[in-house]
């Protein structure tokens, strides 16, 4: 990205990227809470979530380059 952004904005973007990754981990743990396994339906949801979060984090990373 051209130009310089505020270091505070960069830190906020980095924090959001880490928060999004943490959210995915929380969802994976939550999927196992009720019966100790991840069902096929839960796997599908987690797969879609993972893709969406990866795309989101990739976009955030581009903003700080």
Protein backbone atom coordinates (compact mmCIF):
# COMPACT_ATOMS: atom_id res chain seq x y z
CA UNK A 1 0.00 0.00 0.00
CA UNK A 2 1.39 3.39 -0.94
CA UNK A 3 1.96 6.03 1.68
CA UNK A 4 2.57 5.70 5.37
CA UNK A 5 -0.14 4.79 7.83
CA UNK A 6 -0.23 5.61 11.49
CA UNK A 7 1.58 3.08 13.68
CA UNK A 8 -1.53 3.02 15.87
CA UNK A 9 -3.69 2.05 12.90
CA UNK A 10 -1.19 -0.63 11.95
CA UNK A 11 -1.30 -2.06 15.48
CA UNK A 12 -5.11 -2.05 15.40
CA UNK A 13 -5.12 -3.94 12.11
CA UNK A 14 -2.61 -6.45 13.44
CA UNK A 15 -4.70 -6.94 16.59
CA UNK A 16 -7.81 -7.55 14.51
CA UNK A 17 -5.95 -10.13 12.44
CA UNK A 18 -4.92 -11.99 15.59
CA UNK A 19 -8.44 -11.71 17.03
CA UNK A 20 -9.93 -13.24 13.88
CA UNK A 21 -7.52 -16.18 14.07
CA UNK A 22 -8.34 -16.64 17.74
CA UNK A 23 -12.06 -16.63 16.92
CA UNK A 24 -11.56 -19.57 14.55
CA UNK A 25 -9.78 -21.54 17.29
CA UNK A 26 -12.61 -20.76 19.71
CA UNK A 27 -15.15 -22.06 17.20
CA UNK A 28 -13.18 -25.28 16.74
CA UNK A 29 -13.13 -25.84 20.50
CA UNK A 30 -16.83 -24.97 20.79
CA UNK A 31 -17.72 -27.53 18.11
CA UNK A 32 -16.30 -30.25 20.36
CA UNK A 33 -17.87 -29.08 23.62
CA UNK A 34 -21.20 -30.86 23.45
CA UNK A 35 -20.11 -34.40 22.56
CA UNK A 36 -16.34 -34.34 22.19
CA UNK A 37 -16.36 -34.72 18.41
CA UNK A 38 -16.80 -32.45 15.42
CA UNK A 39 -19.76 -33.57 13.32
CA UNK A 40 -19.83 -33.46 9.54
CA UNK A 41 -22.11 -30.42 9.66
CA UNK A 42 -19.79 -28.66 12.09
CA UNK A 43 -16.81 -29.50 9.87
CA UNK A 44 -18.55 -27.83 6.93
CA UNK A 45 -19.27 -24.71 8.96
CA UNK A 46 -15.68 -24.61 10.27
CA UNK A 47 -14.32 -25.07 6.75
CA UNK A 48 -16.36 -22.09 5.49
CA UNK A 49 -15.39 -20.03 8.53
CA UNK A 50 -11.72 -20.85 8.02
CA UNK A 51 -11.84 -19.75 4.38
CA UNK A 52 -13.65 -16.52 5.22
CA UNK A 53 -11.25 -15.71 8.06
CA UNK A 54 -8.19 -16.49 5.94
CA UNK A 55 -9.49 -14.13 3.24
CA UNK A 56 -10.21 -11.45 5.84
CA UNK A 57 -6.76 -11.76 7.43
CA UNK A 58 -5.13 -11.68 3.99
CA UNK A 59 -6.96 -8.43 3.23
CA UNK A 60 -5.90 -6.95 6.57
CA UNK A 61 -2.29 -7.95 5.94
CA UNK A 62 -2.34 -6.18 2.56
CA UNK A 63 -3.38 -2.98 4.29
CA UNK A 64 -0.26 -2.93 6.43
CA UNK A 65 2.26 -3.79 3.68
